[in-house]
PDB file of N, CA and C in Angstrom:
ATOM      1  N   MET A   1      -3.550  93.020  73.200  1.00  0.00           N
ATOM      2  CA  MET A   1      -2.326  93.501  73.733  1.00  0.00           C
ATOM      3  C   MET A   1      -2.508  93.477  75.243  1.00  0.00           C
ATOM      4  N   ASN A   2      -1.415  93.211  75.935  1.00  0.00           N
ATOM      5  CA  ASN A   2      -1.374  93.171  77.390  1.00  0.00           C
ATOM      6  C   ASN A   2      -1.270  94.604  77.942  1.00  0.00           C
ATOM      7  N   SER A   3      -1.570  94.644  79.305  1.00  0.00           N
ATOM      8  CA  SER A   3      -1.511  95.900  79.925  1.00  0.00           C
ATOM      9  C   SER A   3       0.042  96.209  80.143  1.00  0.00           C
ATOM     10  N   ILE A   4       0.250  97.397  80.671  1.00  0.00           N
ATOM     11  CA  ILE A   4       1.690  97.815  80.940  1.00  0.00           C
ATOM     12  C   ILE A   4       2.190  97.008  82.074  1.00  0.00           C
ATOM     13  N   SER A   5       1.375  96.523  82.991  1.00  0.00           N
ATOM     14  CA  SER A   5       1.763  95.832  84.066  1.00  0.00           C
ATOM     15  C   SER A   5       0.775  94.694  84.502  1.00  0.00           C
ATOM     16  N   PRO A   6       1.258  93.591  84.959  1.00  0.00           N
ATOM     17  CA  PRO A   6       0.389  92.500  85.284  1.00  0.00           C
ATOM     18  C   PRO A   6      -0.658  92.871  86.294  1.00  0.00           C
ATOM     19  N   GLU A   7      -0.323  93.773  87.275  1.00  0.00           N
ATOM     20  CA  GLU A   7      -1.217  94.181  88.256  1.00  0.00           C
ATOM     21  C   GLU A   7      -2.535  94.848  87.680  1.00  0.00           C
ATOM     22  N   CYS A   8      -2.373  95.303  86.435  1.00  0.00           N
ATOM     23  CA  CYS A   8      -3.510  96.062  85.822  1.00  0.00           C
ATOM     24  C   CYS A   8      -4.152  95.237  84.800  1.00  0.00           C
ATOM     25  N   GLN A   9      -3.630  93.996  84.537  1.00  0.00           N
ATOM     26  CA  GLN A   9      -4.194  93.162  83.372  1.00  0.00           C
ATOM     27  C   GLN A   9      -5.710  92.988  83.404  1.00  0.00           C
ATOM     28  N   GLU A  10      -6.179  92.496  84.551  1.00  0.00           N
ATOM     29  CA  GLU A  10      -7.555  92.115  84.688  1.00  0.00           C
ATOM     30  C   GLU A  10      -8.491  93.397  84.523  1.00  0.00           C
ATOM     31  N   LEU A  11      -8.052  94.504  84.894  1.00  0.00           N
ATOM     32  CA  LEU A  11      -8.834  95.731  84.653  1.00  0.00           C
ATOM     33  C   LEU A  11      -8.844  96.081  83.177  1.00  0.00           C
ATOM     34  N   LYS A  12      -7.657  95.775  82.473  1.00  0.00           N
ATOM     35  CA  LYS A  12      -7.646  96.110  81.037  1.00  0.00           C
ATOM     36  C   LYS A  12      -8.513  95.129  80.336  1.00  0.00           C
ATOM     37  N   VAL A  13      -8.536  93.923  80.711  1.00  0.00           N
ATOM     38  CA  VAL A  13      -9.336  92.885  80.058  1.00  0.00           C
ATOM     39  C   VAL A  13     -10.921  93.296  80.269  1.00  0.00           C
ATOM     40  N   GLN A  14     -11.278  93.685  81.358  1.00  0.00           N
ATOM     41  CA  GLN A  14     -12.603  94.151  81.709  1.00  0.00           C
ATOM     42  C   GLN A  14     -12.983  95.405  80.850  1.00  0.00           C
ATOM     43  N   TYR A  15     -12.077  96.312  80.802  1.00  0.00           N
ATOM     44  CA  TYR A  15     -12.358  97.583  80.082  1.00  0.00           C
ATOM     45  C   TYR A  15     -12.439  97.289  78.572  1.00  0.00           C
ATOM     46  N   ASP A  16     -11.477  96.454  78.100  1.00  0.00           N
ATOM     47  CA  ASP A  16     -11.531  96.114  76.625  1.00  0.00           C
ATOM     48  C   ASP A  16     -12.770  95.511  76.267  1.00  0.00           C
ATOM     49  N   ALA A  17     -13.249  94.513  77.036  1.00  0.00           N
ATOM     50  CA  ALA A  17     -14.493  93.870  76.715  1.00  0.00           C
ATOM     51  C   ALA A  17     -15.716  94.844  76.702  1.00  0.00           C
ATOM     52  N   CYS A  18     -15.716  95.636  77.715  1.00  0.00           N
ATOM     53  CA  CYS A  18     -16.780  96.683  77.747  1.00  0.00           C
ATOM     54  C   CYS A  18     -16.720  97.633  76.549  1.00  0.00           C
ATOM     55  N   PHE A  19     -15.503  98.165  76.257  1.00  0.00           N
ATOM     56  CA  PHE A  19     -15.212  99.010  75.080  1.00  0.00           C
ATOM     57  C   PHE A  19     -15.785  98.308  73.737  1.00  0.00           C
ATOM     58  N   ASN A  20     -15.324  97.039  73.482  1.00  0.00           N
ATOM     59  CA  ASN A  20     -15.747  96.356  72.384  1.00  0.00           C
ATOM     60  C   ASN A  20     -17.103  96.122  72.262  1.00  0.00           C
ATOM     61  N   ARG A  21     -17.852  95.832  73.374  1.00  0.00           N
ATOM     62  CA  ARG A  21     -19.334  95.691  73.324  1.00  0.00           C
ATOM     63  C   ARG A  21     -19.926  96.977  73.098  1.00  0.00           C
ATOM     64  N   TRP A  22     -19.546  98.071  73.666  1.00  0.00           N
ATOM     65  CA  TRP A  22     -20.168  99.352  73.331  1.00  0.00           C
ATOM     66  C   TRP A  22     -19.934  99.791  72.015  1.00  0.00           C
ATOM     67  N   PHE A  23     -18.823  99.500  71.443  1.00  0.00           N
ATOM     68  CA  PHE A  23     -18.428  99.935  70.108  1.00  0.00           C
ATOM     69  C   PHE A  23     -19.355  99.225  69.114  1.00  0.00           C
ATOM     70  N   LYS A  24     -19.461  97.900  69.250  1.00  0.00           N
ATOM     71  CA  LYS A  24     -20.324  97.007  68.373  1.00  0.00           C
ATOM     72  C   LYS A  24     -21.767  97.260  68.561  1.00  0.00           C
ATOM     73  N   GLU A  25     -22.257  97.342  69.673  1.00  0.00           N
ATOM     74  CA  GLU A  25     -23.688  97.420  70.044  1.00  0.00           C
ATOM     75  C   GLU A  25     -24.226  98.743  70.041  1.00  0.00           C
ATOM     76  N   LYS A  26     -23.411  99.835  70.239  1.00  0.00           N
ATOM     77  CA  LYS A  26     -23.903 101.197  70.317  1.00  0.00           C
ATOM     78  C   LYS A  26     -23.354 102.171  69.432  1.00  0.00           C
ATOM     79  N   PHE A  27     -22.013 102.239  69.376  1.00  0.00           N
ATOM     80  CA  PHE A  27     -21.388 103.182  68.562  1.00  0.00           C
ATOM     81  C   PHE A  27     -21.648 102.931  66.998  1.00  0.00           C
ATOM     82  N   LEU A  28     -21.589 101.753  66.529  1.00  0.00           N
ATOM     83  CA  LEU A  28     -21.769 101.524  65.215  1.00  0.00           C
ATOM     84  C   LEU A  28     -23.245 101.804  64.799  1.00  0.00           C
ATOM     85  N   LYS A  29     -24.120 101.905  65.726  1.00  0.00           N
ATOM     86  CA  LYS A  29     -25.544 102.124  65.577  1.00  0.00           C
ATOM     87  C   LYS A  29     -25.880 103.539  65.786  1.00  0.00           C
ATOM     88  N   GLY A  30     -24.908 104.340  65.913  1.00  0.00           N
ATOM     89  CA  GLY A  30     -25.103 105.900  66.107  1.00  0.00           C
ATOM     90  C   GLY A  30     -25.223 106.416  67.454  1.00  0.00           C
ATOM     91  N   GLN A  31     -25.116 105.524  68.514  1.00  0.00           N
ATOM     92  CA  GLN A  31     -25.194 105.936  69.884  1.00  0.00           C
ATOM     93  C   GLN A  31     -23.687 106.248  70.356  1.00  0.00           C
ATOM     94  N   THR A  32     -23.393 107.517  70.462  1.00  0.00           N
ATOM     95  CA  THR A  32     -21.999 107.876  70.798  1.00  0.00           C
ATOM     96  C   THR A  32     -21.696 108.152  72.356  1.00  0.00           C
ATOM     97  N   ASP A  33     -22.749 107.947  73.182  1.00  0.00           N
ATOM     98  CA  ASP A  33     -22.474 108.126  74.615  1.00  0.00           C
ATOM     99  C   ASP A  33     -21.705 106.962  75.218  1.00  0.00           C
ATOM    100  N   ASP A  34     -20.448 107.199  75.585  1.00  0.00           N
ATOM    101  CA  ASP A  34     -19.566 106.184  75.970  1.00  0.00           C
ATOM    102  C   ASP A  34     -19.541 106.112  77.520  1.00  0.00           C
ATOM    103  N   ALA A  35     -20.441 106.654  78.253  1.00  0.00           N
ATOM    104  CA  ALA A  35     -20.435 106.515  79.669  1.00  0.00           C
ATOM    105  C   ALA A  35     -20.491 105.143  80.370  1.00  0.00           C
ATOM    106  N   SER A  36     -20.995 104.224  79.578  1.00  0.00           N
ATOM    107  CA  SER A  36     -21.147 102.891  80.125  1.00  0.00           C
ATOM    108  C   SER A  36     -19.883 102.240  80.535  1.00  0.00           C
ATOM    109  N   CYS A  37     -18.755 102.549  79.974  1.00  0.00           N
ATOM    110  CA  CYS A  37     -17.469 102.016  80.373  1.00  0.00           C
ATOM    111  C   CYS A  37     -16.579 102.939  81.129  1.00  0.00           C
ATOM    112  N   ALA A  38     -17.035 104.181  81.492  1.00  0.00           N
ATOM    113  CA  ALA A  38     -16.290 105.283  82.146  1.00  0.00           C
ATOM    114  C   ALA A  38     -15.689 104.785  83.483  1.00  0.00           C
ATOM    115  N   ASP A  39     -16.450 104.070  84.261  1.00  0.00           N
ATOM    116  CA  ASP A  39     -15.917 103.587  85.561  1.00  0.00           C
ATOM    117  C   ASP A  39     -14.786 102.549  85.378  1.00  0.00           C
ATOM    118  N   LEU A  40     -14.924 101.696  84.415  1.00  0.00           N
ATOM    119  CA  LEU A  40     -13.875 100.692  84.203  1.00  0.00           C
ATOM    120  C   LEU A  40     -12.622 101.371  83.648  1.00  0.00           C
ATOM    121  N   PHE A  41     -12.822 102.365  82.744  1.00  0.00           N
ATOM    122  CA  PHE A  41     -11.716 103.079  82.220  1.00  0.00           C
ATOM    123  C   PHE A  41     -10.977 103.800  83.299  1.00  0.00           C
ATOM    124  N   ALA A  42     -11.728 104.451  84.226  1.00  0.00           N
ATOM    125  CA  ALA A  42     -11.077 105.231  85.279  1.00  0.00           C
ATOM    126  C   ALA A  42     -10.383 104.342  86.283  1.00  0.00           C
ATOM    127  N   SER A  43     -10.850 103.090  86.529  1.00  0.00           N
ATOM    128  CA  SER A  43     -10.117 102.215  87.382  1.00  0.00           C
ATOM    129  C   SER A  43      -8.860 101.682  86.699  1.00  0.00           C
ATOM    130  N   TYR A  44      -8.957 101.371  85.491  1.00  0.00           N
ATOM    131  CA  TYR A  44      -7.734 100.942  84.707  1.00  0.00           C
ATOM    132  C   TYR A  44      -6.759 102.114  84.637  1.00  0.00           C
ATOM    133  N   GLN A  45      -7.177 103.323  84.313  1.00  0.00           N
ATOM    134  CA  GLN A  45      -6.249 104.450  84.308  1.00  0.00           C
ATOM    135  C   GLN A  45      -5.530 104.703  85.528  1.00  0.00           C
ATOM    136  N   SER A  46      -6.282 104.597  86.610  1.00  0.00           N
ATOM    137  CA  SER A  46      -5.693 104.778  87.935  1.00  0.00           C
ATOM    138  C   SER A  46      -4.650 103.699  88.249  1.00  0.00           C
ATOM    139  N   CYS A  47      -4.930 102.487  87.912  1.00  0.00           N
ATOM    140  CA  CYS A  47      -3.881 101.488  88.143  1.00  0.00           C
ATOM    141  C   CYS A  47      -2.608 101.726  87.320  1.00  0.00           C
ATOM    142  N   VAL A  48      -2.797 102.145  86.157  1.00  0.00           N
ATOM    143  CA  VAL A  48      -1.588 102.442  85.258  1.00  0.00           C
ATOM    144  C   VAL A  48      -0.844 103.581  85.774  1.00  0.00           C
ATOM    145  N   LYS A  49      -1.543 104.555  86.349  1.00  0.00           N
ATOM    146  CA  LYS A  49      -0.868 105.760  86.887  1.00  0.00           C
ATOM    147  C   LYS A  49      -0.011 105.289  88.149  1.00  0.00           C
ATOM    148  N   VAL A  50      -0.590 104.458  88.953  1.00  0.00           N
ATOM    149  CA  VAL A  50       0.088 104.048  90.202  1.00  0.00           C
ATOM    150  C   VAL A  50       1.319 103.183  89.745  1.00  0.00           C
ATOM    151  N   VAL A  51       1.229 102.327  88.822  1.00  0.00           N
ATOM    152  CA  VAL A  51       2.284 101.488  88.419  1.00  0.00           C
ATOM    153  C   VAL A  51       3.409 102.315  87.791  1.00  0.00           C
ATOM    154  N   SER A  52       2.981 103.294  87.067  1.00  0.00           N
ATOM    155  CA  SER A  52       3.984 104.240  86.389  1.00  0.00           C
ATOM    156  C   SER A  52       4.768 105.021  87.473  1.00  0.00           C
ATOM    157  N   TYR A  53       4.011 105.488  88.466  1.00  0.00           N
ATOM    158  CA  TYR A  53       4.639 106.280  89.603  1.00  0.00           C
ATOM    159  C   TYR A  53       5.643 105.401  90.372  1.00  0.00           C
ATOM    160  N   VAL A  54       5.212 104.143  90.673  1.00  0.00           N
ATOM    161  CA  VAL A  54       6.138 103.252  91.315  1.00  0.00           C
ATOM    162  C   VAL A  54       7.352 103.033  90.418  1.00  0.00           C
ATOM    163  N   PHE A  55       7.134 102.838  89.243  1.00  0.00           N
ATOM    164  CA  PHE A  55       8.369 102.502  88.284  1.00  0.00           C
ATOM    165  C   PHE A  55       9.292 103.828  88.354  1.00  0.00           C
ATOM    166  N   GLN A  56       8.754 104.952  88.354  1.00  0.00           N
ATOM    167  CA  GLN A  56       9.636 106.132  88.376  1.00  0.00           C
ATOM    168  C   GLN A  56      10.376 106.264  89.536  1.00  0.00           C
ATOM    169  N   LEU A  57       9.731 105.899  90.731  1.00  0.00           N
ATOM    170  CA  LEU A  57      10.378 105.915  92.065  1.00  0.00           C
ATOM    171  C   LEU A  57      11.495 105.017  92.057  1.00  0.00           C
ATOM    172  N   GLN A  58      11.281 103.701  91.515  1.00  0.00           N
ATOM    173  CA  GLN A  58      12.343 102.805  91.419  1.00  0.00           C
ATOM    174  C   GLN A  58      13.513 103.170  90.557  1.00  0.00           C
ATOM    175  N   ILE A  59      13.187 103.901  89.437  1.00  0.00           N
ATOM    176  CA  ILE A  59      14.350 104.391  88.711  1.00  0.00           C
ATOM    177  C   ILE A  59      15.084 105.396  89.489  1.00  0.00           C
ATOM    178  N   ARG A  60      14.480 106.256  90.093  1.00  0.00           N
ATOM    179  CA  ARG A  60      15.194 107.350  90.991  1.00  0.00           C
ATOM    180  C   ARG A  60      15.927 106.671  92.008  1.00  0.00           C
ATOM    181  N   MET A  61      15.414 105.703  92.811  1.00  0.00           N
ATOM    182  CA  MET A  61      16.198 105.025  93.851  1.00  0.00           C
ATOM    183  C   MET A  61      17.400 104.336  93.234  1.00  0.00           C
ATOM    184  N   PHE A  62      17.347 103.693  92.085  1.00  0.00           N
ATOM    185  CA  PHE A  62      18.429 103.071  91.444  1.00  0.00           C
ATOM    186  C   PHE A  62      19.501 104.074  91.119  1.00  0.00           C
ATOM    187  N   LYS A  63      19.110 105.162  90.531  1.00  0.00           N
ATOM    188  CA  LYS A  63      20.079 106.204  90.118  1.00  0.00           C
ATOM    189  C   LYS A  63      20.706 106.790  91.482  1.00  0.00           C
ATOM    190  N   ASN A  64      19.927 107.007  92.496  1.00  0.00           N
ATOM    191  CA  ASN A  64      20.519 107.619  93.793  1.00  0.00           C
ATOM    192  C   ASN A  64      21.321 106.665  94.477  1.00  0.00           C
ATOM    193  N   ASN A  65      21.347 105.406  94.268  1.00  0.00           N
ATOM    194  CA  ASN A  65      22.233 104.499  94.816  1.00  0.00           C
ATOM    195  C   ASN A  65      23.545 104.278  94.070  1.00  0.00           C
ATOM    196  N   GLY A  66      23.837 105.166  93.188  1.00  0.00           N
ATOM    197  CA  GLY A  66      25.109 105.201  92.467  1.00  0.00           C
ATOM    198  C   GLY A  66      25.202 104.141  91.367  1.00  0.00           C
ATOM    199  N   HIS A  67      24.057 103.753  90.697  1.00  0.00           N
ATOM    200  CA  HIS A  67      23.989 102.882  89.649  1.00  0.00           C
ATOM    201  C   HIS A  67      24.030 103.603  88.295  1.00  0.00           C
ATOM    202  N   SER A  68      24.208 104.878  88.299  1.00  0.00           N
ATOM    203  CA  SER A  68      24.143 105.528  87.049  1.00  0.00           C
ATOM    204  C   SER A  68      25.537 106.084  86.827  1.00  0.00           C
ATOM    205  N   LYS A  69      26.081 106.245  85.705  1.00  0.00           N
ATOM    206  CA  LYS A  69      27.398 106.797  85.440  1.00  0.00           C
ATOM    207  C   LYS A  69      27.257 108.226  85.316  1.00  0.00           C
ATOM    208  N   SER A  70      28.143 108.955  85.995  1.00  0.00           N
ATOM    209  CA  SER A  70      28.180 110.536  85.704  1.00  0.00           C
ATOM    210  C   SER A  70      28.859 110.821  84.510  1.00  0.00           C
ATOM    211  N   SER A  71      28.574 112.011  83.957  1.00  0.00           N
ATOM    212  CA  SER A  71      29.219 112.437  82.682  1.00  0.00           C
ATOM    213  C   SER A  71      30.379 113.400  83.029  1.00  0.00           C
ATOM    214  N   ASP A  72      31.089 113.158  84.194  1.00  0.00           N
ATOM    215  CA  ASP A  72      32.178 114.039  84.529  1.00  0.00           C
ATOM    216  C   ASP A  72      33.421 113.811  83.613  1.00  0.00           C
TER     217      ASP A  72
END
């Protein structure tokens, strides 16, 4: 599955690879400490949050410029 935004895609690919490696090599063998991918997850999560924030700003700007119908 692709990321929510192309800007975050490479981070998602890196995190997914790390997670899949951790799951296969550690979790399935009983090692549940998932800290090895925490930094990659934090970077990906941060990117998604920024993209979501920018998208919300764009929606507000669009609405404030008279592009939404009022229910009067």
